N, C-alpha and C. Protein backbone atom coordinates (compact mmCIF):
# COMPACT_ATOMS: atom_id res chain seq x y z
N UNK A 1 9.49 12.70 17.42
CA UNK A 1 8.32 13.36 16.88
C UNK A 1 8.07 12.82 15.47
N UNK A 2 6.83 12.47 15.18
CA UNK A 2 6.54 11.89 13.88
C UNK A 2 6.29 12.97 12.83
N UNK A 3 6.58 12.60 11.62
CA UNK A 3 6.40 13.51 10.49
C UNK A 3 5.15 13.05 9.73
N UNK A 4 4.26 13.99 9.42
CA UNK A 4 3.04 13.67 8.68
C UNK A 4 3.40 13.00 7.35
N UNK A 5 2.67 11.95 6.97
CA UNK A 5 2.95 11.31 5.69
C UNK A 5 2.55 12.22 4.53
N UNK A 6 3.28 12.07 3.46
CA UNK A 6 3.02 12.89 2.28
C UNK A 6 3.28 12.05 1.04
N UNK A 7 2.40 12.17 0.05
CA UNK A 7 2.57 11.51 -1.23
C UNK A 7 2.71 12.57 -2.31
N UNK A 8 3.73 12.44 -3.14
CA UNK A 8 3.90 13.35 -4.26
C UNK A 8 4.15 12.53 -5.52
N UNK A 9 3.47 12.90 -6.57
CA UNK A 9 3.59 12.20 -7.85
C UNK A 9 4.34 13.09 -8.83
N UNK A 10 5.46 12.58 -9.33
CA UNK A 10 6.26 13.29 -10.32
C UNK A 10 6.52 12.32 -11.46
N UNK A 11 5.94 12.62 -12.61
CA UNK A 11 6.03 11.74 -13.79
C UNK A 11 5.56 10.34 -13.41
N UNK A 12 6.46 9.36 -13.42
CA UNK A 12 6.03 7.99 -13.10
C UNK A 12 6.52 7.54 -11.71
N UNK A 13 6.75 8.49 -10.81
CA UNK A 13 7.24 8.18 -9.47
C UNK A 13 6.28 8.70 -8.41
N UNK A 14 5.86 7.81 -7.53
CA UNK A 14 5.05 8.20 -6.38
C UNK A 14 5.97 8.14 -5.16
N UNK A 15 6.30 9.31 -4.64
CA UNK A 15 7.19 9.41 -3.49
C UNK A 15 6.38 9.39 -2.20
N UNK A 16 6.77 8.51 -1.30
CA UNK A 16 6.12 8.38 0.00
C UNK A 16 7.10 8.85 1.06
N UNK A 17 6.70 9.87 1.82
CA UNK A 17 7.57 10.38 2.88
C UNK A 17 6.78 10.49 4.18
N UNK A 18 7.51 10.54 5.26
CA UNK A 18 6.88 10.69 6.57
C UNK A 18 6.60 9.36 7.24
N UNK A 19 5.78 9.42 8.28
CA UNK A 19 5.48 8.24 9.09
C UNK A 19 4.05 7.77 8.86
N UNK A 20 3.92 6.54 8.41
CA UNK A 20 2.59 5.95 8.21
C UNK A 20 2.32 5.06 9.42
N UNK A 21 1.18 5.30 10.05
CA UNK A 21 0.81 4.59 11.27
C UNK A 21 -0.62 4.07 11.14
N UNK A 22 -1.06 3.25 12.09
CA UNK A 22 -2.46 2.80 12.06
C UNK A 22 -3.45 3.96 12.07
N UNK A 23 -3.07 5.08 12.66
CA UNK A 23 -3.98 6.23 12.76
C UNK A 23 -4.17 6.97 11.43
N UNK A 24 -3.20 6.89 10.52
CA UNK A 24 -3.31 7.66 9.28
C UNK A 24 -3.25 6.81 8.01
N UNK A 25 -3.14 5.50 8.14
CA UNK A 25 -2.94 4.66 6.97
C UNK A 25 -4.12 4.70 6.00
N UNK A 26 -5.33 4.82 6.49
CA UNK A 26 -6.50 4.83 5.60
C UNK A 26 -6.48 6.08 4.71
N UNK A 27 -6.15 7.22 5.28
CA UNK A 27 -6.08 8.45 4.49
C UNK A 27 -4.96 8.35 3.45
N UNK A 28 -3.82 7.78 3.83
CA UNK A 28 -2.70 7.62 2.90
C UNK A 28 -3.10 6.65 1.78
N UNK A 29 -3.77 5.57 2.15
CA UNK A 29 -4.21 4.59 1.15
C UNK A 29 -5.14 5.26 0.14
N UNK A 30 -6.13 6.00 0.63
CA UNK A 30 -7.08 6.65 -0.27
C UNK A 30 -6.40 7.64 -1.21
N UNK A 31 -5.49 8.43 -0.68
CA UNK A 31 -4.76 9.40 -1.51
C UNK A 31 -3.90 8.68 -2.55
N UNK A 32 -3.21 7.63 -2.13
CA UNK A 32 -2.39 6.86 -3.07
C UNK A 32 -3.24 6.22 -4.16
N UNK A 33 -4.38 5.68 -3.80
CA UNK A 33 -5.26 5.06 -4.81
C UNK A 33 -5.76 6.11 -5.80
N UNK A 34 -6.05 7.31 -5.31
CA UNK A 34 -6.49 8.39 -6.19
C UNK A 34 -5.37 8.74 -7.19
N UNK A 35 -4.15 8.85 -6.70
CA UNK A 35 -3.02 9.19 -7.56
C UNK A 35 -2.71 8.07 -8.55
N UNK A 36 -2.74 6.84 -8.10
CA UNK A 36 -2.46 5.69 -8.98
C UNK A 36 -3.52 5.59 -10.07
N UNK A 37 -4.78 5.75 -9.69
CA UNK A 37 -5.88 5.64 -10.66
C UNK A 37 -5.84 6.75 -11.70
N UNK A 38 -5.18 7.85 -11.39
CA UNK A 38 -5.07 8.96 -12.33
C UNK A 38 -3.97 8.79 -13.35
N UNK A 39 -3.23 7.70 -13.26
CA UNK A 39 -2.11 7.45 -14.17
C UNK A 39 -2.40 6.27 -15.08
N UNK A 40 -1.93 6.33 -16.29
CA UNK A 40 -2.09 5.22 -17.23
C UNK A 40 -0.81 4.38 -17.32
N UNK A 41 0.29 4.92 -16.83
CA UNK A 41 1.58 4.25 -16.97
C UNK A 41 1.93 3.47 -15.70
N UNK A 42 2.93 2.61 -15.83
CA UNK A 42 3.47 1.92 -14.67
C UNK A 42 4.14 2.94 -13.77
N UNK A 43 4.19 2.65 -12.47
CA UNK A 43 4.74 3.60 -11.51
C UNK A 43 5.80 2.97 -10.63
N UNK A 44 6.74 3.78 -10.20
CA UNK A 44 7.71 3.41 -9.18
C UNK A 44 7.24 4.05 -7.89
N UNK A 45 7.12 3.25 -6.84
CA UNK A 45 6.77 3.75 -5.52
C UNK A 45 8.08 3.91 -4.76
N UNK A 46 8.47 5.15 -4.52
CA UNK A 46 9.74 5.44 -3.84
C UNK A 46 9.49 5.56 -2.35
N UNK A 47 10.01 4.60 -1.59
CA UNK A 47 9.82 4.53 -0.14
C UNK A 47 11.03 5.04 0.63
N UNK A 48 11.99 5.63 -0.06
CA UNK A 48 13.22 6.03 0.62
C UNK A 48 13.00 7.13 1.66
N UNK A 49 11.91 7.88 1.55
CA UNK A 49 11.62 8.93 2.52
C UNK A 49 10.66 8.50 3.60
N UNK A 50 10.32 7.23 3.61
CA UNK A 50 9.40 6.69 4.61
C UNK A 50 10.07 6.69 5.98
N UNK A 51 9.32 7.09 6.99
CA UNK A 51 9.84 7.08 8.36
C UNK A 51 9.79 5.67 8.92
N UNK A 52 9.30 5.55 10.12
CA UNK A 52 9.22 4.26 10.80
C UNK A 52 8.39 3.27 9.98
N UNK A 53 8.88 2.04 9.88
CA UNK A 53 8.18 1.01 9.12
C UNK A 53 7.30 0.18 10.05
N UNK A 54 6.02 0.19 9.78
CA UNK A 54 5.05 -0.61 10.53
C UNK A 54 4.44 -1.63 9.59
N UNK A 55 3.84 -2.65 10.15
CA UNK A 55 3.18 -3.66 9.32
C UNK A 55 2.04 -3.07 8.50
N UNK A 56 1.46 -1.95 8.95
CA UNK A 56 0.38 -1.34 8.16
C UNK A 56 0.88 -0.86 6.81
N UNK A 57 2.17 -0.58 6.69
CA UNK A 57 2.74 -0.17 5.40
C UNK A 57 2.66 -1.34 4.41
N UNK A 58 2.88 -2.56 4.89
CA UNK A 58 2.76 -3.73 4.01
C UNK A 58 1.34 -3.85 3.49
N UNK A 59 0.37 -3.68 4.36
CA UNK A 59 -1.03 -3.74 3.96
C UNK A 59 -1.34 -2.66 2.93
N UNK A 60 -0.85 -1.47 3.17
CA UNK A 60 -1.03 -0.35 2.26
C UNK A 60 -0.47 -0.69 0.87
N UNK A 61 0.74 -1.19 0.83
CA UNK A 61 1.38 -1.52 -0.45
C UNK A 61 0.61 -2.62 -1.18
N UNK A 62 0.12 -3.61 -0.45
CA UNK A 62 -0.65 -4.68 -1.08
C UNK A 62 -1.96 -4.14 -1.67
N UNK A 63 -2.59 -3.20 -1.00
CA UNK A 63 -3.81 -2.57 -1.53
C UNK A 63 -3.50 -1.83 -2.82
N UNK A 64 -2.41 -1.07 -2.82
CA UNK A 64 -2.03 -0.32 -4.03
C UNK A 64 -1.68 -1.27 -5.17
N UNK A 65 -1.00 -2.36 -4.86
CA UNK A 65 -0.64 -3.35 -5.89
C UNK A 65 -1.89 -4.01 -6.46
N UNK A 66 -2.87 -4.30 -5.61
CA UNK A 66 -4.11 -4.91 -6.08
C UNK A 66 -4.84 -3.96 -7.03
N UNK A 67 -4.93 -2.69 -6.66
CA UNK A 67 -5.58 -1.69 -7.52
C UNK A 67 -4.86 -1.61 -8.87
N UNK A 68 -3.55 -1.52 -8.84
CA UNK A 68 -2.78 -1.44 -10.08
C UNK A 68 -3.00 -2.68 -10.95
N UNK A 69 -3.03 -3.85 -10.32
CA UNK A 69 -3.26 -5.08 -11.07
C UNK A 69 -4.62 -5.09 -11.75
N UNK A 70 -5.63 -4.58 -11.08
CA UNK A 70 -6.97 -4.49 -11.67
C UNK A 70 -6.98 -3.55 -12.86
N UNK A 71 -6.06 -2.61 -12.88
CA UNK A 71 -5.96 -1.63 -13.96
C UNK A 71 -4.91 -2.03 -15.02
N UNK A 72 -4.36 -3.24 -14.91
CA UNK A 72 -3.29 -3.70 -15.80
C UNK A 72 -2.11 -2.74 -15.79
N UNK A 73 -1.80 -2.28 -14.61
CA UNK A 73 -0.72 -1.33 -14.39
C UNK A 73 0.28 -2.01 -13.45
N UNK A 74 1.54 -1.75 -13.60
CA UNK A 74 2.56 -2.33 -12.72
C UNK A 74 3.10 -1.27 -11.77
N UNK A 75 3.35 -1.69 -10.55
CA UNK A 75 4.01 -0.84 -9.56
C UNK A 75 5.30 -1.52 -9.16
N UNK A 76 6.36 -0.75 -9.02
CA UNK A 76 7.65 -1.26 -8.60
C UNK A 76 8.10 -0.46 -7.38
N UNK A 77 8.61 -1.15 -6.39
CA UNK A 77 9.03 -0.50 -5.16
C UNK A 77 10.52 -0.18 -5.22
N UNK A 78 10.86 0.96 -4.67
CA UNK A 78 12.25 1.39 -4.62
C UNK A 78 12.48 2.01 -3.24
N UNK A 79 13.66 1.81 -2.71
CA UNK A 79 14.03 2.43 -1.44
C UNK A 79 13.37 1.80 -0.23
N UNK A 80 13.02 0.54 -0.36
CA UNK A 80 12.42 -0.17 0.77
C UNK A 80 13.52 -0.44 1.80
N UNK A 81 13.38 0.08 2.98
CA UNK A 81 14.38 -0.09 4.03
C UNK A 81 14.48 -1.51 4.54
N UNK A 82 15.54 -1.78 5.26
CA UNK A 82 15.77 -3.13 5.79
C UNK A 82 14.67 -3.58 6.75
N UNK A 83 14.17 -2.67 7.57
CA UNK A 83 13.10 -3.05 8.51
C UNK A 83 11.84 -3.47 7.77
N UNK A 84 11.44 -2.72 6.77
CA UNK A 84 10.25 -3.07 6.00
C UNK A 84 10.47 -4.36 5.23
N UNK A 85 11.66 -4.52 4.68
CA UNK A 85 12.00 -5.76 3.98
C UNK A 85 11.95 -6.95 4.94
N UNK A 86 12.43 -6.76 6.15
CA UNK A 86 12.38 -7.83 7.16
C UNK A 86 10.95 -8.17 7.56
N UNK A 87 10.11 -7.15 7.72
CA UNK A 87 8.70 -7.39 8.03
C UNK A 87 8.02 -8.18 6.92
N UNK A 88 8.35 -7.84 5.68
CA UNK A 88 7.78 -8.56 4.54
C UNK A 88 8.23 -10.01 4.54
N UNK A 89 9.50 -10.25 4.83
CA UNK A 89 10.03 -11.62 4.87
C UNK A 89 9.38 -12.42 5.99
N UNK A 90 9.25 -11.81 7.16
CA UNK A 90 8.62 -12.51 8.29
C UNK A 90 7.16 -12.84 8.02
N UNK A 91 6.52 -12.01 7.23
CA UNK A 91 5.11 -12.21 6.90
C UNK A 91 4.92 -13.09 5.67
N UNK A 92 6.01 -13.47 5.02
CA UNK A 92 5.92 -14.27 3.81
C UNK A 92 5.38 -13.49 2.62
N UNK A 93 5.62 -12.19 2.62
CA UNK A 93 5.06 -11.32 1.57
C UNK A 93 6.09 -10.80 0.57
N UNK A 94 7.37 -11.11 0.78
CA UNK A 94 8.39 -10.50 -0.08
C UNK A 94 8.19 -10.82 -1.56
N UNK A 95 7.64 -11.96 -1.88
CA UNK A 95 7.44 -12.30 -3.30
C UNK A 95 6.34 -11.46 -3.94
N UNK A 96 5.49 -10.84 -3.14
CA UNK A 96 4.39 -10.03 -3.67
C UNK A 96 4.76 -8.55 -3.79
N UNK A 97 5.93 -8.19 -3.31
CA UNK A 97 6.36 -6.80 -3.32
C UNK A 97 7.48 -6.62 -4.34
N UNK A 98 7.13 -6.20 -5.55
CA UNK A 98 8.11 -6.13 -6.64
C UNK A 98 9.07 -4.96 -6.51
N UNK A 99 10.27 -5.27 -6.02
CA UNK A 99 11.29 -4.22 -5.87
C UNK A 99 11.97 -3.98 -7.20
N UNK A 100 12.23 -2.71 -7.45
CA UNK A 100 13.04 -2.32 -8.59
C UNK A 100 14.46 -2.82 -8.29
N UNK A 101 15.16 -3.28 -9.31
CA UNK A 101 16.50 -3.80 -9.06
C UNK A 101 17.37 -2.75 -8.41
N UNK A 102 18.23 -3.19 -7.51
CA UNK A 102 19.10 -2.27 -6.75
C UNK A 102 20.49 -2.20 -7.37
N UNK A 103 20.54 -1.92 -8.64
CA UNK A 103 21.86 -1.86 -9.29
C UNK A 103 22.44 -0.49 -9.27
């Protein structure tokens, strides 16, 4: 059973939880863009609560990164699972997805 996606913003962290699918990615993108645009600081996108990783998540992240870049804002990814990391590598996108160091 899938869990509805949810975005929560706490200070400089945007937490993404639940399952993002082709059916709900546009709504998630719009909500994320609204939250990102409301911030002046750089943000960490925490993906550790993300459910199943689909290629639409990569598209979503690239859209958010483009918006942040237009605003001279930086986004850093944290908690990116192995499946999503593998999808990014297979797509040749890993260099465009700035992960926070895993120290």
